[in-house]
Amino acid sequence: MASTPAVASLYRRCLKLSLDWAVHRYIWRGQAVYIRSLFDANKHIREPRQQRALFQETEQLLETWKHPDPYKPPTAPGGSKYERNIPAPILDPPPHMTL
């Protein structure tokens, strides 16, 4: 059986990629259900060679369908609001210490 974290990572990447292409969540939900059905259809495969072939095929599909301008949350690095309202630096000198 393929390692569960590898399959889960591939599944998450597929969902994120489809979310880049979908305009609305209700459209994306249908795509997510379809992706889940594809993964469920192949979960019975136990042969390591067939699993590797499926992984490679899925990786190629992900690379083929890669979005040229993927979605980034606005406050994430690279987003439109990243560090827009950061707090001002503290300019006061440190307090004097007496020993």
PDB file of N, CA and C in Angstrom:
ATOM      1  N   MET A   1       0.836  -1.178   0.000  1.00  0.00           N
ATOM      2  CA  MET A   1       0.000   0.000   0.000  1.00  0.00           C
ATOM      3  C   MET A   1       0.883   1.245   0.000  1.00  0.00           C
ATOM      4  N   ALA A   2       0.472   2.255  -0.731  1.00  0.00           N
ATOM      5  CA  ALA A   2       1.223   3.510  -0.790  1.00  0.00           C
ATOM      6  C   ALA A   2       1.164   4.189   0.569  1.00  0.00           C
ATOM      7  N   SER A   3       2.175   4.967   0.835  1.00  0.00           N
ATOM      8  CA  SER A   3       2.185   5.634   2.123  1.00  0.00           C
ATOM      9  C   SER A   3       1.037   6.634   2.180  1.00  0.00           C
ATOM     10  N   THR A   4       0.318   6.594   3.264  1.00  0.00           N
ATOM     11  CA  THR A   4      -0.849   7.447   3.431  1.00  0.00           C
ATOM     12  C   THR A   4      -0.497   8.933   3.352  1.00  0.00           C
ATOM     13  N   PRO A   5       0.598   9.392   3.957  1.00  0.00           N
ATOM     14  CA  PRO A   5       0.919  10.823   3.838  1.00  0.00           C
ATOM     15  C   PRO A   5       1.190  11.261   2.392  1.00  0.00           C
ATOM     16  N   ALA A   6       1.786  10.395   1.595  1.00  0.00           N
ATOM     17  CA  ALA A   6       2.060  10.746   0.195  1.00  0.00           C
ATOM     18  C   ALA A   6       0.756  10.884  -0.589  1.00  0.00           C
ATOM     19  N   VAL A   7      -0.177   9.980  -0.356  1.00  0.00           N
ATOM     20  CA  VAL A   7      -1.468  10.031  -1.044  1.00  0.00           C
ATOM     21  C   VAL A   7      -2.245  11.258  -0.570  1.00  0.00           C
ATOM     22  N   ALA A   8      -2.221  11.519   0.735  1.00  0.00           N
ATOM     23  CA  ALA A   8      -2.940  12.673   1.273  1.00  0.00           C
ATOM     24  C   ALA A   8      -2.355  13.975   0.728  1.00  0.00           C
ATOM     25  N   SER A   9      -1.031  14.043   0.618  1.00  0.00           N
ATOM     26  CA  SER A   9      -0.387  15.235   0.071  1.00  0.00           C
ATOM     27  C   SER A   9      -0.776  15.444  -1.387  1.00  0.00           C
ATOM     28  N   LEU A  10      -0.779  14.379  -2.147  1.00  0.00           N
ATOM     29  CA  LEU A  10      -1.160  14.463  -3.558  1.00  0.00           C
ATOM     30  C   LEU A  10      -2.626  14.888  -3.695  1.00  0.00           C
ATOM     31  N   TYR A  11      -3.473  14.347  -2.848  1.00  0.00           N
ATOM     32  CA  TYR A  11      -4.891  14.701  -2.857  1.00  0.00           C
ATOM     33  C   TYR A  11      -5.087  16.186  -2.527  1.00  0.00           C
ATOM     34  N   ARG A  12      -4.397  16.660  -1.484  1.00  0.00           N
ATOM     35  CA  ARG A  12      -4.488  18.072  -1.108  1.00  0.00           C
ATOM     36  C   ARG A  12      -4.005  18.983  -2.224  1.00  0.00           C
ATOM     37  N   ARG A  13      -2.911  18.595  -2.866  1.00  0.00           N
ATOM     38  CA  ARG A  13      -2.393  19.397  -3.970  1.00  0.00           C
ATOM     39  C   ARG A  13      -3.379  19.453  -5.132  1.00  0.00           C
ATOM     40  N   CYS A  14      -4.053  18.342  -5.395  1.00  0.00           N
ATOM     41  CA  CYS A  14      -5.075  18.327  -6.450  1.00  0.00           C
ATOM     42  C   CYS A  14      -6.223  19.263  -6.097  1.00  0.00           C
ATOM     43  N   LEU A  15      -6.655  19.225  -4.844  1.00  0.00           N
ATOM     44  CA  LEU A  15      -7.757  20.094  -4.429  1.00  0.00           C
ATOM     45  C   LEU A  15      -7.356  21.565  -4.504  1.00  0.00           C
ATOM     46  N   LYS A  16      -6.141  21.884  -4.069  1.00  0.00           N
ATOM     47  CA  LYS A  16      -5.691  23.276  -4.122  1.00  0.00           C
ATOM     48  C   LYS A  16      -5.561  23.765  -5.559  1.00  0.00           C
ATOM     49  N   LEU A  17      -5.091  22.890  -6.433  1.00  0.00           N
ATOM     50  CA  LEU A  17      -4.969  23.275  -7.833  1.00  0.00           C
ATOM     51  C   LEU A  17      -6.339  23.522  -8.451  1.00  0.00           C
ATOM     52  N   SER A  18      -7.301  22.665  -8.138  1.00  0.00           N
ATOM     53  CA  SER A  18      -8.639  22.880  -8.685  1.00  0.00           C
ATOM     54  C   SER A  18      -9.267  24.142  -8.112  1.00  0.00           C
ATOM     55  N   LEU A  19      -8.925  24.501  -6.879  1.00  0.00           N
ATOM     56  CA  LEU A  19      -9.432  25.735  -6.282  1.00  0.00           C
ATOM     57  C   LEU A  19      -8.841  26.963  -6.977  1.00  0.00           C
ATOM     58  N   ASP A  20      -7.626  26.857  -7.505  1.00  0.00           N
ATOM     59  CA  ASP A  20      -7.038  27.963  -8.267  1.00  0.00           C
ATOM     60  C   ASP A  20      -7.835  28.243  -9.536  1.00  0.00           C
ATOM     61  N   TRP A  21      -8.395  27.214 -10.138  1.00  0.00           N
ATOM     62  CA  TRP A  21      -9.108  27.376 -11.402  1.00  0.00           C
ATOM     63  C   TRP A  21     -10.582  27.698 -11.217  1.00  0.00           C
ATOM     64  N   ALA A  22     -11.162  27.337 -10.098  1.00  0.00           N
ATOM     65  CA  ALA A  22     -12.600  27.557  -9.883  1.00  0.00           C
ATOM     66  C   ALA A  22     -12.846  28.997  -9.438  1.00  0.00           C
ATOM     67  N   VAL A  23     -13.900  29.584  -9.964  1.00  0.00           N
ATOM     68  CA  VAL A  23     -14.233  30.965  -9.619  1.00  0.00           C
ATOM     69  C   VAL A  23     -15.058  30.998  -8.333  1.00  0.00           C
ATOM     70  N   HIS A  24     -15.979  30.069  -8.188  1.00  0.00           N
ATOM     71  CA  HIS A  24     -16.866  30.043  -7.027  1.00  0.00           C
ATOM     72  C   HIS A  24     -16.735  28.707  -6.311  1.00  0.00           C
ATOM     73  N   ARG A  25     -17.037  28.736  -5.012  1.00  0.00           N
ATOM     74  CA  ARG A  25     -16.947  27.512  -4.211  1.00  0.00           C
ATOM     75  C   ARG A  25     -17.932  26.453  -4.664  1.00  0.00           C
ATOM     76  N   TYR A  26     -19.112  26.824  -5.081  1.00  0.00           N
ATOM     77  CA  TYR A  26     -20.092  25.813  -5.493  1.00  0.00           C
ATOM     78  C   TYR A  26     -19.651  25.114  -6.775  1.00  0.00           C
ATOM     79  N   ILE A  27     -18.881  25.773  -7.605  1.00  0.00           N
ATOM     80  CA  ILE A  27     -18.305  25.109  -8.784  1.00  0.00           C
ATOM     81  C   ILE A  27     -17.181  24.186  -8.346  1.00  0.00           C
ATOM     82  N   TRP A  28     -16.351  24.684  -7.427  1.00  0.00           N
ATOM     83  CA  TRP A  28     -15.214  23.905  -6.949  1.00  0.00           C
ATOM     84  C   TRP A  28     -15.668  22.644  -6.224  1.00  0.00           C
ATOM     85  N   ARG A  29     -16.786  22.709  -5.524  1.00  0.00           N
ATOM     86  CA  ARG A  29     -17.257  21.548  -4.763  1.00  0.00           C
ATOM     87  C   ARG A  29     -17.522  20.350  -5.677  1.00  0.00           C
ATOM     88  N   GLY A  30     -18.100  20.595  -6.841  1.00  0.00           N
ATOM     89  CA  GLY A  30     -18.323  19.510  -7.791  1.00  0.00           C
ATOM     90  C   GLY A  30     -17.009  18.918  -8.282  1.00  0.00           C
ATOM     91  N   GLN A  31     -16.018  19.771  -8.508  1.00  0.00           N
ATOM     92  CA  GLN A  31     -14.705  19.285  -8.918  1.00  0.00           C
ATOM     93  C   GLN A  31     -14.043  18.490  -7.800  1.00  0.00           C
ATOM     94  N   ALA A  32     -14.214  18.936  -6.562  1.00  0.00           N
ATOM     95  CA  ALA A  32     -13.627  18.231  -5.419  1.00  0.00           C
ATOM     96  C   ALA A  32     -14.230  16.836  -5.271  1.00  0.00           C
ATOM     97  N   VAL A  33     -15.535  16.724  -5.478  1.00  0.00           N
ATOM     98  CA  VAL A  33     -16.195  15.416  -5.393  1.00  0.00           C
ATOM     99  C   VAL A  33     -15.684  14.501  -6.511  1.00  0.00           C
ATOM    100  N   TYR A  34     -15.481  15.066  -7.696  1.00  0.00           N
ATOM    101  CA  TYR A  34     -14.955  14.276  -8.818  1.00  0.00           C
ATOM    102  C   TYR A  34     -13.528  13.798  -8.529  1.00  0.00           C
ATOM    103  N   ILE A  35     -12.698  14.670  -7.986  1.00  0.00           N
ATOM    104  CA  ILE A  35     -11.316  14.286  -7.642  1.00  0.00           C
ATOM    105  C   ILE A  35     -11.330  13.186  -6.593  1.00  0.00           C
ATOM    106  N   ARG A  36     -12.209  13.323  -5.604  1.00  0.00           N
ATOM    107  CA  ARG A  36     -12.311  12.293  -4.569  1.00  0.00           C
ATOM    108  C   ARG A  36     -12.719  10.955  -5.179  1.00  0.00           C
ATOM    109  N   SER A  37     -13.634  10.976  -6.154  1.00  0.00           N
ATOM    110  CA  SER A  37     -14.061   9.722  -6.780  1.00  0.00           C
ATOM    111  C   SER A  37     -12.909   9.078  -7.550  1.00  0.00           C
ATOM    112  N   LEU A  38     -12.048   9.893  -8.157  1.00  0.00           N
ATOM    113  CA  LEU A  38     -10.883   9.343  -8.860  1.00  0.00           C
ATOM    114  C   LEU A  38      -9.921   8.671  -7.882  1.00  0.00           C
ATOM    115  N   PHE A  39      -9.690   9.312  -6.733  1.00  0.00           N
ATOM    116  CA  PHE A  39      -8.802   8.715  -5.730  1.00  0.00           C
ATOM    117  C   PHE A  39      -9.421   7.457  -5.141  1.00  0.00           C
ATOM    118  N   ASP A  40     -10.721   7.476  -4.887  1.00  0.00           N
ATOM    119  CA  ASP A  40     -11.389   6.296  -4.334  1.00  0.00           C
ATOM    120  C   ASP A  40     -11.402   5.135  -5.321  1.00  0.00           C
ATOM    121  N   ALA A  41     -11.457   5.432  -6.612  1.00  0.00           N
ATOM    122  CA  ALA A  41     -11.478   4.374  -7.623  1.00  0.00           C
ATOM    123  C   ALA A  41     -10.156   3.616  -7.669  1.00  0.00           C
ATOM    124  N   ASN A  42      -9.063   4.264  -7.243  1.00  0.00           N
ATOM    125  CA  ASN A  42      -7.742   3.637  -7.310  1.00  0.00           C
ATOM    126  C   ASN A  42      -7.194   3.237  -5.946  1.00  0.00           C
ATOM    127  N   LYS A  43      -8.003   3.297  -4.903  1.00  0.00           N
ATOM    128  CA  LYS A  43      -7.464   2.982  -3.578  1.00  0.00           C
ATOM    129  C   LYS A  43      -7.263   1.478  -3.353  1.00  0.00           C
ATOM    130  N   HIS A  44      -7.819   0.641  -4.222  1.00  0.00           N
ATOM    131  CA  HIS A  44      -7.660  -0.807  -4.075  1.00  0.00           C
ATOM    132  C   HIS A  44      -6.338  -1.302  -4.656  1.00  0.00           C
ATOM    133  N   ILE A  45      -5.615  -0.473  -5.367  1.00  0.00           N
ATOM    134  CA  ILE A  45      -4.367  -0.894  -6.016  1.00  0.00           C
ATOM    135  C   ILE A  45      -3.280  -1.073  -4.963  1.00  0.00           C
ATOM    136  N   ARG A  46      -2.687  -2.266  -4.924  1.00  0.00           N
ATOM    137  CA  ARG A  46      -1.673  -2.603  -3.933  1.00  0.00           C
ATOM    138  C   ARG A  46      -0.291  -2.837  -4.552  1.00  0.00           C
ATOM    139  N   GLU A  47      -0.242  -2.978  -5.855  1.00  0.00           N
ATOM    140  CA  GLU A  47       1.025  -3.249  -6.551  1.00  0.00           C
ATOM    141  C   GLU A  47       1.878  -1.968  -6.573  1.00  0.00           C
ATOM    142  N   PRO A  48       3.110  -2.023  -6.030  1.00  0.00           N
ATOM    143  CA  PRO A  48       3.946  -0.820  -5.953  1.00  0.00           C
ATOM    144  C   PRO A  48       4.233  -0.185  -7.316  1.00  0.00           C
ATOM    145  N   ARG A  49       4.405  -1.003  -8.339  1.00  0.00           N
ATOM    146  CA  ARG A  49       4.685  -0.436  -9.667  1.00  0.00           C
ATOM    147  C   ARG A  49       3.494   0.338 -10.206  1.00  0.00           C
ATOM    148  N   GLN A  50       2.305  -0.206 -10.013  1.00  0.00           N
ATOM    149  CA  GLN A  50       1.104   0.492 -10.462  1.00  0.00           C
ATOM    150  C   GLN A  50       0.891   1.776  -9.662  1.00  0.00           C
ATOM    151  N   GLN A  51       1.194   1.729  -8.364  1.00  0.00           N
ATOM    152  CA  GLN A  51       1.066   2.925  -7.533  1.00  0.00           C
ATOM    153  C   GLN A  51       2.034   4.013  -7.988  1.00  0.00           C
ATOM    154  N   ARG A  52       3.273   3.624  -8.277  1.00  0.00           N
ATOM    155  CA  ARG A  52       4.253   4.602  -8.766  1.00  0.00           C
ATOM    156  C   ARG A  52       3.800   5.204 -10.082  1.00  0.00           C
ATOM    157  N   ALA A  53       3.245   4.364 -10.956  1.00  0.00           N
ATOM    158  CA  ALA A  53       2.763   4.862 -12.244  1.00  0.00           C
ATOM    159  C   ALA A  53       1.611   5.855 -12.046  1.00  0.00           C
ATOM    160  N   LEU A  54       0.703   5.547 -11.119  1.00  0.00           N
ATOM    161  CA  LEU A  54      -0.393   6.474 -10.834  1.00  0.00           C
ATOM    162  C   LEU A  54       0.124   7.781 -10.246  1.00  0.00           C
ATOM    163  N   PHE A  55       1.106   7.682  -9.342  1.00  0.00           N
ATOM    164  CA  PHE A  55       1.690   8.890  -8.757  1.00  0.00           C
ATOM    165  C   PHE A  55       2.321   9.750  -9.838  1.00  0.00           C
ATOM    166  N   GLN A  56       3.093   9.122 -10.724  1.00  0.00           N
ATOM    167  CA  GLN A  56       3.765   9.883 -11.782  1.00  0.00           C
ATOM    168  C   GLN A  56       2.745  10.502 -12.738  1.00  0.00           C
ATOM    169  N   GLU A  57       1.707   9.757 -13.070  1.00  0.00           N
ATOM    170  CA  GLU A  57       0.674  10.284 -13.959  1.00  0.00           C
ATOM    171  C   GLU A  57      -0.033  11.484 -13.319  1.00  0.00           C
ATOM    172  N   THR A  58      -0.330  11.370 -12.023  1.00  0.00           N
ATOM    173  CA  THR A  58      -0.992  12.465 -11.327  1.00  0.00           C
ATOM    174  C   THR A  58      -0.076  13.680 -11.227  1.00  0.00           C
ATOM    175  N   GLU A  59       1.218  13.455 -10.960  1.00  0.00           N
ATOM    176  CA  GLU A  59       2.184  14.558 -10.906  1.00  0.00           C
ATOM    177  C   GLU A  59       2.254  15.272 -12.258  1.00  0.00           C
ATOM    178  N   GLN A  60       2.226  14.511 -13.337  1.00  0.00           N
ATOM    179  CA  GLN A  60       2.261  15.118 -14.671  1.00  0.00           C
ATOM    180  C   GLN A  60       0.992  15.934 -14.932  1.00  0.00           C
ATOM    181  N   LEU A  61      -0.146  15.412 -14.502  1.00  0.00           N
ATOM    182  CA  LEU A  61      -1.395  16.161 -14.658  1.00  0.00           C
ATOM    183  C   LEU A  61      -1.369  17.457 -13.850  1.00  0.00           C
ATOM    184  N   LEU A  62      -0.818  17.381 -12.639  1.00  0.00           N
ATOM    185  CA  LEU A  62      -0.715  18.586 -11.824  1.00  0.00           C
ATOM    186  C   LEU A  62       0.179  19.626 -12.493  1.00  0.00           C
ATOM    187  N   GLU A  63       1.268  19.169 -13.078  1.00  0.00           N
ATOM    188  CA  GLU A  63       2.181  20.094 -13.758  1.00  0.00           C
ATOM    189  C   GLU A  63       1.522  20.667 -15.013  1.00  0.00           C
ATOM    190  N   THR A  64       0.757  19.848 -15.716  1.00  0.00           N
ATOM    191  CA  THR A  64       0.081  20.307 -16.927  1.00  0.00           C
ATOM    192  C   THR A  64      -0.973  21.365 -16.613  1.00  0.00           C
ATOM    193  N   TRP A  65      -1.729  21.145 -15.539  1.00  0.00           N
ATOM    194  CA  TRP A  65      -2.839  22.038 -15.196  1.00  0.00           C
ATOM    195  C   TRP A  65      -2.444  23.130 -14.211  1.00  0.00           C
ATOM    196  N   LYS A  66      -1.171  23.318 -13.988  1.00  0.00           N
ATOM    197  CA  LYS A  66      -0.705  24.337 -13.048  1.00  0.00           C
ATOM    198  C   LYS A  66      -1.203  25.721 -13.478  1.00  0.00           C
ATOM    199  N   HIS A  67      -1.772  26.454 -12.548  1.00  0.00           N
ATOM    200  CA  HIS A  67      -2.333  27.769 -12.858  1.00  0.00           C
ATOM    201  C   HIS A  67      -1.215  28.802 -12.982  1.00  0.00           C
ATOM    202  N   PRO A  68      -1.276  29.679 -14.006  1.00  0.00           N
ATOM    203  CA  PRO A  68      -0.213  30.675 -14.169  1.00  0.00           C
ATOM    204  C   PRO A  68      -0.224  31.744 -13.073  1.00  0.00           C
ATOM    205  N   ASP A  69      -1.376  31.979 -12.454  1.00  0.00           N
ATOM    206  CA  ASP A  69      -1.496  32.970 -11.390  1.00  0.00           C
ATOM    207  C   ASP A  69      -2.309  32.366 -10.252  1.00  0.00           C
ATOM    208  N   PRO A  70      -1.697  31.479  -9.432  1.00  0.00           N
ATOM    209  CA  PRO A  70      -2.464  30.778  -8.404  1.00  0.00           C
ATOM    210  C   PRO A  70      -2.984  31.733  -7.333  1.00  0.00           C
ATOM    211  N   TYR A  71      -4.055  31.298  -6.682  1.00  0.00           N
ATOM    212  CA  TYR A  71      -4.667  32.104  -5.623  1.00  0.00           C
ATOM    213  C   TYR A  71      -3.760  32.127  -4.404  1.00  0.00           C
ATOM    214  N   LYS A  72      -3.600  33.316  -3.844  1.00  0.00           N
ATOM    215  CA  LYS A  72      -2.888  33.482  -2.578  1.00  0.00           C
ATOM    216  C   LYS A  72      -3.798  34.297  -1.666  1.00  0.00           C
ATOM    217  N   PRO A  73      -3.938  33.890  -0.412  1.00  0.00           N
ATOM    218  CA  PRO A  73      -4.731  34.706   0.502  1.00  0.00           C
ATOM    219  C   PRO A  73      -4.132  36.114   0.582  1.00  0.00           C
ATOM    220  N   PRO A  74      -4.964  37.138   0.691  1.00  0.00           N
ATOM    221  CA  PRO A  74      -4.449  38.507   0.661  1.00  0.00           C
ATOM    222  C   PRO A  74      -3.407  38.821   1.723  1.00  0.00           C
ATOM    223  N   THR A  75      -3.526  38.226   2.909  1.00  0.00           N
ATOM    224  CA  THR A  75      -2.580  38.558   3.974  1.00  0.00           C
ATOM    225  C   THR A  75      -1.372  37.635   4.001  1.00  0.00           C
ATOM    226  N   ALA A  76      -1.282  36.679   3.091  1.00  0.00           N
ATOM    227  CA  ALA A  76      -0.140  35.775   3.022  1.00  0.00           C
ATOM    228  C   ALA A  76       1.008  36.437   2.254  1.00  0.00           C
ATOM    229  N   PRO A  77       2.240  35.967   2.441  1.00  0.00           N
ATOM    230  CA  PRO A  77       3.347  36.534   1.663  1.00  0.00           C
ATOM    231  C   PRO A  77       3.060  36.431   0.163  1.00  0.00           C
ATOM    232  N   GLY A  78       3.191  37.559  -0.535  1.00  0.00           N
ATOM    233  CA  GLY A  78       2.868  37.602  -1.947  1.00  0.00           C
ATOM    234  C   GLY A  78       1.439  38.039  -2.219  1.00  0.00           C
ATOM    235  N   GLY A  79       0.619  38.138  -1.164  1.00  0.00           N
ATOM    236  CA  GLY A  79      -0.761  38.581  -1.317  1.00  0.00           C
ATOM    237  C   GLY A  79      -0.844  40.093  -1.423  1.00  0.00           C
ATOM    238  N   SER A  80      -2.003  40.591  -1.806  1.00  0.00           N
ATOM    239  CA  SER A  80      -2.159  42.024  -2.049  1.00  0.00           C
ATOM    240  C   SER A  80      -2.137  42.856  -0.765  1.00  0.00           C
ATOM    241  N   LYS A  81      -2.431  42.261   0.386  1.00  0.00           N
ATOM    242  CA  LYS A  81      -2.436  43.013   1.644  1.00  0.00           C
ATOM    243  C   LYS A  81      -1.297  42.624   2.577  1.00  0.00           C
ATOM    244  N   TYR A  82      -0.312  41.893   2.073  1.00  0.00           N
ATOM    245  CA  TYR A  82       0.763  41.416   2.935  1.00  0.00           C
ATOM    246  C   TYR A  82       1.532  42.604   3.509  1.00  0.00           C
ATOM    247  N   GLU A  83       1.643  42.676   4.810  1.00  0.00           N
ATOM    248  CA  GLU A  83       2.353  43.719   5.553  1.00  0.00           C
ATOM    249  C   GLU A  83       1.852  45.119   5.220  1.00  0.00           C
ATOM    250  N   ARG A  84       0.563  45.243   4.930  1.00  0.00           N
ATOM    251  CA  ARG A  84       0.041  46.561   4.592  1.00  0.00           C
ATOM    252  C   ARG A  84      -0.040  47.458   5.816  1.00  0.00           C
ATOM    253  N   ASN A  85      -0.540  46.958   6.912  1.00  0.00           N
ATOM    254  CA  ASN A  85      -0.695  47.760   8.126  1.00  0.00           C
ATOM    255  C   ASN A  85       0.118  47.153   9.268  1.00  0.00           C
ATOM    256  N   ILE A  86       1.405  47.093   9.077  1.00  0.00           N
ATOM    257  CA  ILE A  86       2.250  46.540  10.136  1.00  0.00           C
ATOM    258  C   ILE A  86       2.408  47.590  11.233  1.00  0.00           C
ATOM    259  N   PRO A  87       2.580  47.178  12.476  1.00  0.00           N
ATOM    260  CA  PRO A  87       2.722  48.158  13.553  1.00  0.00           C
ATOM    261  C   PRO A  87       4.017  48.960  13.391  1.00  0.00           C
ATOM    262  N   ALA A  88       3.959  50.204  13.839  1.00  0.00           N
ATOM    263  CA  ALA A  88       5.134  51.075  13.741  1.00  0.00           C
ATOM    264  C   ALA A  88       6.231  50.561  14.661  1.00  0.00           C
ATOM    265  N   PRO A  89       7.479  50.735  14.255  1.00  0.00           N
ATOM    266  CA  PRO A  89       8.570  50.287  15.132  1.00  0.00           C
ATOM    267  C   PRO A  89       8.644  51.176  16.373  1.00  0.00           C
ATOM    268  N   ILE A  90       9.146  50.606  17.455  1.00  0.00           N
ATOM    269  CA  ILE A  90       9.302  51.347  18.713  1.00  0.00           C
ATOM    270  C   ILE A  90      10.596  52.154  18.606  1.00  0.00           C
ATOM    271  N   LEU A  91      10.467  53.481  18.660  1.00  0.00           N
ATOM    272  CA  LEU A  91      11.626  54.356  18.477  1.00  0.00           C
ATOM    273  C   LEU A  91      12.144  54.939  19.773  1.00  0.00           C
ATOM    274  N   ASP A  92      11.487  54.639  20.890  1.00  0.00           N
ATOM    275  CA  ASP A  92      11.956  55.163  22.173  1.00  0.00           C
ATOM    276  C   ASP A  92      13.247  54.455  22.572  1.00  0.00           C
ATOM    277  N   PRO A  93      14.186  55.190  23.205  1.00  0.00           N
ATOM    278  CA  PRO A  93      15.396  54.523  23.666  1.00  0.00           C
ATOM    279  C   PRO A  93      15.072  53.609  24.847  1.00  0.00           C
ATOM    280  N   PRO A  94      15.886  52.600  25.062  1.00  0.00           N
ATOM    281  CA  PRO A  94      15.618  51.705  26.206  1.00  0.00           C
ATOM    282  C   PRO A  94      15.770  52.462  27.524  1.00  0.00           C
ATOM    283  N   PRO A  95      15.047  52.041  28.553  1.00  0.00           N
ATOM    284  CA  PRO A  95      15.158  52.745  29.836  1.00  0.00           C
ATOM    285  C   PRO A  95      16.568  52.597  30.430  1.00  0.00           C
ATOM    286  N   HIS A  96      16.983  53.613  31.178  1.00  0.00           N
ATOM    287  CA  HIS A  96      18.309  53.603  31.791  1.00  0.00           C
ATOM    288  C   HIS A  96      18.327  52.602  32.948  1.00  0.00           C
ATOM    289  N   MET A  97      19.353  51.787  33.017  1.00  0.00           N
ATOM    290  CA  MET A  97      19.466  50.788  34.062  1.00  0.00           C
ATOM    291  C   MET A  97      20.465  51.262  35.107  1.00  0.00           C
ATOM    292  N   THR A  98      20.076  51.161  36.353  1.00  0.00           N
ATOM    293  CA  THR A  98      20.993  51.495  37.432  1.00  0.00           C
ATOM    294  C   THR A  98      21.381  50.219  38.139  1.00  0.00           C
ATOM    295  N   LEU A  99      22.657  50.058  38.343  1.00  0.00           N
ATOM    296  CA  LEU A  99      23.151  48.856  39.019  1.00  0.00           C
ATOM    297  C   LEU A  99      23.757  49.161  40.343  1.00  0.00           C
TER     298      LEU A  99
END
